[in-house]
Amino acid sequence: ARLAETHQARKNNPHKAERIQKYS
C-alpha cells in the first residue's frame, strides 16, 4: 500500500509535467 501511494504521488507530480512542457 505504501509503495502504491508513493508511486501515485510520483506519477501525479505536477513539476514533472511543467519540466516536460518547458524543456521538451
PDB file of all heavy atoms in Angstrom:
ATOM      1  N   ALA A   1       0.832  -1.201   0.000  1.00  0.00           N
ATOM      2  CA  ALA A   1       0.000   0.000   0.000  1.00  0.00           C
ATOM      3  C   ALA A   1       0.870   1.255   0.000  1.00  0.00           C
ATOM      4  O   ALA A   1       0.583   2.225  -0.720  1.00  0.00           O
ATOM      5  CB  ALA A   1      -0.935  -0.007   1.200  1.00  0.00           C
ATOM      6  N   ARG A   2       1.929   1.251   0.777  1.00  0.00           N
ATOM      7  CA  ARG A   2       2.830   2.418   0.818  1.00  0.00           C
ATOM      8  C   ARG A   2       3.543   2.598  -0.520  1.00  0.00           C
ATOM      9  O   ARG A   2       3.717   3.718  -0.997  1.00  0.00           O
ATOM     10  CB  ARG A   2       3.838   2.252   1.960  1.00  0.00           C
ATOM     11  CG  ARG A   2       4.822   3.376   2.078  1.00  0.00           C
ATOM     12  CD  ARG A   2       4.169   4.682   2.465  1.00  0.00           C
ATOM     13  NE  ARG A   2       5.179   5.736   2.483  1.00  0.00           N
ATOM     14  CZ  ARG A   2       4.999   6.964   2.039  1.00  0.00           C
ATOM     15  NH1 ARG A   2       3.836   7.337   1.587  1.00  0.00           N
ATOM     16  NH2 ARG A   2       5.972   7.836   2.073  1.00  0.00           N
ATOM     17  N   LEU A   3       3.952   1.481  -1.145  1.00  0.00           N
ATOM     18  CA  LEU A   3       4.578   1.572  -2.466  1.00  0.00           C
ATOM     19  C   LEU A   3       3.610   2.156  -3.488  1.00  0.00           C
ATOM     20  O   LEU A   3       3.985   3.007  -4.301  1.00  0.00           O
ATOM     21  CB  LEU A   3       5.042   0.192  -2.930  1.00  0.00           C
ATOM     22  CG  LEU A   3       6.395  -0.264  -2.443  1.00  0.00           C
ATOM     23  CD1 LEU A   3       6.648  -1.695  -2.881  1.00  0.00           C
ATOM     24  CD2 LEU A   3       7.493   0.637  -2.949  1.00  0.00           C
ATOM     25  N   ALA A   4       2.370   1.708  -3.453  1.00  0.00           N
ATOM     26  CA  ALA A   4       1.372   2.226  -4.388  1.00  0.00           C
ATOM     27  C   ALA A   4       1.137   3.714  -4.148  1.00  0.00           C
ATOM     28  O   ALA A   4       0.998   4.494  -5.098  1.00  0.00           O
ATOM     29  CB  ALA A   4       0.067   1.453  -4.242  1.00  0.00           C
ATOM     30  N   GLU A   5       1.132   4.113  -2.882  1.00  0.00           N
ATOM     31  CA  GLU A   5       0.943   5.525  -2.531  1.00  0.00           C
ATOM     32  C   GLU A   5       2.083   6.385  -3.070  1.00  0.00           C
ATOM     33  O   GLU A   5       1.851   7.444  -3.664  1.00  0.00           O
ATOM     34  CB  GLU A   5       0.855   5.645  -1.009  1.00  0.00           C
ATOM     35  CG  GLU A   5       0.647   7.021  -0.474  1.00  0.00           C
ATOM     36  CD  GLU A   5       0.630   7.007   1.045  1.00  0.00           C
ATOM     37  OE1 GLU A   5      -0.032   6.148   1.629  1.00  0.00           O
ATOM     38  OE2 GLU A   5       1.305   7.882   1.639  1.00  0.00           O
ATOM     39  N   THR A   6       3.301   5.942  -2.879  1.00  0.00           N
ATOM     40  CA  THR A   6       4.446   6.719  -3.370  1.00  0.00           C
ATOM     41  C   THR A   6       4.495   6.730  -4.893  1.00  0.00           C
ATOM     42  O   THR A   6       4.872   7.730  -5.496  1.00  0.00           O
ATOM     43  CB  THR A   6       5.772   6.180  -2.817  1.00  0.00           C
ATOM     44  OG1 THR A   6       5.909   4.805  -3.171  1.00  0.00           O
ATOM     45  CG2 THR A   6       5.838   6.322  -1.309  1.00  0.00           C
ATOM     46  N   HIS A   7       4.096   5.631  -5.513  1.00  0.00           N
ATOM     47  CA  HIS A   7       4.082   5.553  -6.973  1.00  0.00           C
ATOM     48  C   HIS A   7       3.067   6.539  -7.549  1.00  0.00           C
ATOM     49  O   HIS A   7       3.364   7.252  -8.514  1.00  0.00           O
ATOM     50  CB  HIS A   7       3.771   4.131  -7.413  1.00  0.00           C
ATOM     51  CG  HIS A   7       3.823   3.916  -8.880  1.00  0.00           C
ATOM     52  ND1 HIS A   7       4.986   4.016  -9.607  1.00  0.00           N
ATOM     53  CD2 HIS A   7       2.862   3.628  -9.777  1.00  0.00           C
ATOM     54  CE1 HIS A   7       4.740   3.777 -10.877  1.00  0.00           C
ATOM     55  NE2 HIS A   7       3.446   3.550 -11.012  1.00  0.00           N
ATOM     56  N   GLN A   8       1.882   6.603  -6.961  1.00  0.00           N
ATOM     57  CA  GLN A   8       0.863   7.545  -7.424  1.00  0.00           C
ATOM     58  C   GLN A   8       1.311   8.986  -7.214  1.00  0.00           C
ATOM     59  O   GLN A   8       1.069   9.849  -8.059  1.00  0.00           O
ATOM     60  CB  GLN A   8      -0.466   7.299  -6.711  1.00  0.00           C
ATOM     61  CG  GLN A   8      -1.203   6.080  -7.204  1.00  0.00           C
ATOM     62  CD  GLN A   8      -1.538   6.175  -8.685  1.00  0.00           C
ATOM     63  OE1 GLN A   8      -1.873   7.229  -9.198  1.00  0.00           O
ATOM     64  NE2 GLN A   8      -1.426   5.047  -9.372  1.00  0.00           N
ATOM     65  N   ALA A   9       1.950   9.251  -6.093  1.00  0.00           N
ATOM     66  CA  ALA A   9       2.438  10.606  -5.827  1.00  0.00           C
ATOM     67  C   ALA A   9       3.478  11.018  -6.860  1.00  0.00           C
ATOM     68  O   ALA A   9       3.503  12.168  -7.315  1.00  0.00           O
ATOM     69  CB  ALA A   9       3.026  10.685  -4.424  1.00  0.00           C
ATOM     70  N   ARG A  10       4.326  10.083  -7.245  1.00  0.00           N
ATOM     71  CA  ARG A  10       5.350  10.385  -8.242  1.00  0.00           C
ATOM     72  C   ARG A  10       4.727  10.598  -9.617  1.00  0.00           C
ATOM     73  O   ARG A  10       5.105  11.502 -10.350  1.00  0.00           O
ATOM     74  CB  ARG A  10       6.372   9.262  -8.303  1.00  0.00           C
ATOM     75  CG  ARG A  10       7.568   9.608  -9.166  1.00  0.00           C
ATOM     76  CD  ARG A  10       8.565   8.507  -9.225  1.00  0.00           C
ATOM     77  NE  ARG A  10       8.076   7.537 -10.193  1.00  0.00           N
ATOM     78  CZ  ARG A  10       8.434   6.280 -10.229  1.00  0.00           C
ATOM     79  NH1 ARG A  10       9.259   5.800  -9.349  1.00  0.00           N
ATOM     80  NH2 ARG A  10       7.959   5.471 -11.144  1.00  0.00           N
ATOM     81  N   LYS A  11       3.741   9.780  -9.966  1.00  0.00           N
ATOM     82  CA  LYS A  11       3.098   9.912 -11.268  1.00  0.00           C
ATOM     83  C   LYS A  11       2.298  11.198 -11.382  1.00  0.00           C
ATOM     84  O   LYS A  11       2.192  11.779 -12.460  1.00  0.00           O
ATOM     85  CB  LYS A  11       2.176   8.716 -11.525  1.00  0.00           C
ATOM     86  CG  LYS A  11       2.915   7.454 -11.899  1.00  0.00           C
ATOM     87  CD  LYS A  11       1.974   6.321 -12.135  1.00  0.00           C
ATOM     88  CE  LYS A  11       1.106   6.602 -13.350  1.00  0.00           C
ATOM     89  NZ  LYS A  11       0.232   5.484 -13.694  1.00  0.00           N
ATOM     90  N   ASN A  12       1.723  11.649 -10.286  1.00  0.00           N
ATOM     91  CA  ASN A  12       0.882  12.836 -10.298  1.00  0.00           C
ATOM     92  C   ASN A  12       1.654  14.102  -9.940  1.00  0.00           C
ATOM     93  O   ASN A  12       1.041  15.121  -9.629  1.00  0.00           O
ATOM     94  CB  ASN A  12      -0.292  12.654  -9.329  1.00  0.00           C
ATOM     95  CG  ASN A  12      -1.184  11.518  -9.762  1.00  0.00           C
ATOM     96  OD1 ASN A  12      -1.301  11.225 -10.934  1.00  0.00           O
ATOM     97  ND2 ASN A  12      -1.814  10.865  -8.809  1.00  0.00           N
ATOM     98  N   ASN A  13       2.964  14.053 -10.000  1.00  0.00           N
ATOM     99  CA  ASN A  13       3.801  15.194  -9.659  1.00  0.00           C
ATOM    100  C   ASN A  13       3.641  16.289 -10.721  1.00  0.00           C
ATOM    101  O   ASN A  13       4.015  16.099 -11.870  1.00  0.00           O
ATOM    102  CB  ASN A  13       5.261  14.759  -9.563  1.00  0.00           C
ATOM    103  CG  ASN A  13       6.155  15.861  -9.077  1.00  0.00           C
ATOM    104  OD1 ASN A  13       5.703  16.950  -8.754  1.00  0.00           O
ATOM    105  ND2 ASN A  13       7.436  15.574  -9.020  1.00  0.00           N
ATOM    106  N   PRO A  14       3.089  17.456 -10.374  1.00  0.00           N
ATOM    107  CA  PRO A  14       2.885  18.498 -11.383  1.00  0.00           C
ATOM    108  C   PRO A  14       4.183  19.102 -11.905  1.00  0.00           C
ATOM    109  O   PRO A  14       4.224  19.601 -13.024  1.00  0.00           O
ATOM    110  CB  PRO A  14       2.065  19.552 -10.638  1.00  0.00           C
ATOM    111  CG  PRO A  14       2.384  19.342  -9.202  1.00  0.00           C
ATOM    112  CD  PRO A  14       2.639  17.859  -9.063  1.00  0.00           C
ATOM    113  N   HIS A  15       5.251  19.029 -11.130  1.00  0.00           N
ATOM    114  CA  HIS A  15       6.531  19.595 -11.563  1.00  0.00           C
ATOM    115  C   HIS A  15       7.093  18.846 -12.763  1.00  0.00           C
ATOM    116  O   HIS A  15       7.742  19.433 -13.619  1.00  0.00           O
ATOM    117  CB  HIS A  15       7.543  19.585 -10.420  1.00  0.00           C
ATOM    118  CG  HIS A  15       7.085  20.391  -9.249  1.00  0.00           C
ATOM    119  ND1 HIS A  15       6.944  21.754  -9.295  1.00  0.00           N
ATOM    120  CD2 HIS A  15       6.708  20.017  -8.006  1.00  0.00           C
ATOM    121  CE1 HIS A  15       6.516  22.196  -8.136  1.00  0.00           C
ATOM    122  NE2 HIS A  15       6.360  21.165  -7.332  1.00  0.00           N
ATOM    123  N   LYS A  16       6.829  17.559 -12.828  1.00  0.00           N
ATOM    124  CA  LYS A  16       7.322  16.774 -13.944  1.00  0.00           C
ATOM    125  C   LYS A  16       6.669  17.243 -15.243  1.00  0.00           C
ATOM    126  O   LYS A  16       7.341  17.416 -16.253  1.00  0.00           O
ATOM    127  CB  LYS A  16       7.028  15.289 -13.712  1.00  0.00           C
ATOM    128  CG  LYS A  16       7.563  14.382 -14.780  1.00  0.00           C
ATOM    129  CD  LYS A  16       7.307  12.937 -14.445  1.00  0.00           C
ATOM    130  CE  LYS A  16       7.841  12.017 -15.507  1.00  0.00           C
ATOM    131  NZ  LYS A  16       7.599  10.618 -15.196  1.00  0.00           N
ATOM    132  N   ALA A  17       5.368  17.481 -15.221  1.00  0.00           N
ATOM    133  CA  ALA A  17       4.666  17.945 -16.414  1.00  0.00           C
ATOM    134  C   ALA A  17       5.177  19.327 -16.836  1.00  0.00           C
ATOM    135  O   ALA A  17       5.320  19.599 -18.034  1.00  0.00           O
ATOM    136  CB  ALA A  17       3.168  17.991 -16.146  1.00  0.00           C
ATOM    137  N   GLU A  18       5.461  20.175 -15.862  1.00  0.00           N
ATOM    138  CA  GLU A  18       5.986  21.504 -16.180  1.00  0.00           C
ATOM    139  C   GLU A  18       7.361  21.410 -16.826  1.00  0.00           C
ATOM    140  O   GLU A  18       7.651  22.125 -17.790  1.00  0.00           O
ATOM    141  CB  GLU A  18       6.068  22.350 -14.911  1.00  0.00           C
ATOM    142  CG  GLU A  18       4.725  22.749 -14.354  1.00  0.00           C
ATOM    143  CD  GLU A  18       4.831  23.419 -13.000  1.00  0.00           C
ATOM    144  OE1 GLU A  18       5.967  23.708 -12.558  1.00  0.00           O
ATOM    145  OE2 GLU A  18       3.787  23.655 -12.388  1.00  0.00           O
ATOM    146  N   ARG A  19       8.216  20.532 -16.311  1.00  0.00           N
ATOM    147  CA  ARG A  19       9.554  20.363 -16.894  1.00  0.00           C
ATOM    148  C   ARG A  19       9.469  19.841 -18.319  1.00  0.00           C
ATOM    149  O   ARG A  19      10.194  20.298 -19.207  1.00  0.00           O
ATOM    150  CB  ARG A  19      10.384  19.415 -16.041  1.00  0.00           C
ATOM    151  CG  ARG A  19      10.933  20.017 -14.784  1.00  0.00           C
ATOM    152  CD  ARG A  19      11.997  19.142 -14.175  1.00  0.00           C
ATOM    153  NE  ARG A  19      11.639  17.740 -14.091  1.00  0.00           N
ATOM    154  CZ  ARG A  19      11.172  17.129 -13.003  1.00  0.00           C
ATOM    155  NH1 ARG A  19      11.011  17.791 -11.896  1.00  0.00           N
ATOM    156  NH2 ARG A  19      10.889  15.846 -13.015  1.00  0.00           N
ATOM    157  N   ILE A  20       8.581  18.887 -18.549  1.00  0.00           N
ATOM    158  CA  ILE A  20       8.437  18.328 -19.891  1.00  0.00           C
ATOM    159  C   ILE A  20       7.950  19.403 -20.851  1.00  0.00           C
ATOM    160  O   ILE A  20       8.458  19.538 -21.958  1.00  0.00           O
ATOM    161  CB  ILE A  20       7.477  17.120 -19.870  1.00  0.00           C
ATOM    162  CG1 ILE A  20       8.135  15.945 -19.152  1.00  0.00           C
ATOM    163  CG2 ILE A  20       7.081  16.711 -21.283  1.00  0.00           C
ATOM    164  CD1 ILE A  20       7.217  14.789 -18.892  1.00  0.00           C
ATOM    165  N   GLN A  21       6.973  20.182 -20.420  1.00  0.00           N
ATOM    166  CA  GLN A  21       6.434  21.231 -21.273  1.00  0.00           C
ATOM    167  C   GLN A  21       7.497  22.296 -21.575  1.00  0.00           C
ATOM    168  O   GLN A  21       7.588  22.799 -22.690  1.00  0.00           O
ATOM    169  CB  GLN A  21       5.230  21.883 -20.604  1.00  0.00           C
ATOM    170  CG  GLN A  21       4.529  22.908 -21.465  1.00  0.00           C
ATOM    171  CD  GLN A  21       3.315  23.484 -20.756  1.00  0.00           C
ATOM    172  OE1 GLN A  21       3.193  23.379 -19.544  1.00  0.00           O
ATOM    173  NE2 GLN A  21       2.431  24.087 -21.518  1.00  0.00           N
ATOM    174  N   LYS A  22       8.311  22.614 -20.597  1.00  0.00           N
ATOM    175  CA  LYS A  22       9.310  23.660 -20.765  1.00  0.00           C
ATOM    176  C   LYS A  22      10.515  23.201 -21.575  1.00  0.00           C
ATOM    177  O   LYS A  22      11.005  23.903 -22.451  1.00  0.00           O
ATOM    178  CB  LYS A  22       9.776  24.143 -19.394  1.00  0.00           C
ATOM    179  CG  LYS A  22      10.785  25.269 -19.460  1.00  0.00           C
ATOM    180  CD  LYS A  22      11.164  25.746 -18.078  1.00  0.00           C
ATOM    181  CE  LYS A  22      12.176  26.861 -18.132  1.00  0.00           C
ATOM    182  NZ  LYS A  22      12.559  27.311 -16.788  1.00  0.00           N
ATOM    183  N   TYR A  23      11.020  21.996 -21.304  1.00  0.00           N
ATOM    184  CA  TYR A  23      12.292  21.564 -21.882  1.00  0.00           C
ATOM    185  C   TYR A  23      12.189  20.583 -23.044  1.00  0.00           C
ATOM    186  O   TYR A  23      13.174  20.349 -23.732  1.00  0.00           O
ATOM    187  CB  TYR A  23      13.178  20.939 -20.801  1.00  0.00           C
ATOM    188  CG  TYR A  23      13.581  21.934 -19.745  1.00  0.00           C
ATOM    189  CD1 TYR A  23      13.139  21.801 -18.434  1.00  0.00           C
ATOM    190  CD2 TYR A  23      14.408  23.000 -20.056  1.00  0.00           C
ATOM    191  CE1 TYR A  23      13.509  22.712 -17.459  1.00  0.00           C
ATOM    192  CE2 TYR A  23      14.779  23.911 -19.086  1.00  0.00           C
ATOM    193  CZ  TYR A  23      14.328  23.762 -17.791  1.00  0.00           C
ATOM    194  OH  TYR A  23      14.690  24.660 -16.842  1.00  0.00           O
ATOM    195  N   SER A  24      11.045  19.995 -23.296  1.00  0.00           N
ATOM    196  CA  SER A  24      10.980  19.009 -24.375  1.00  0.00           C
ATOM    197  C   SER A  24      11.213  19.620 -25.748  1.00  0.00           C
ATOM    198  O   SER A  24      11.830  18.989 -26.595  1.00  0.00           O
ATOM    199  CB  SER A  24       9.664  18.245 -24.337  1.00  0.00           C
ATOM    200  OG  SER A  24       8.581  19.101 -24.587  1.00  0.00           O
TER     201      SER A  24
END
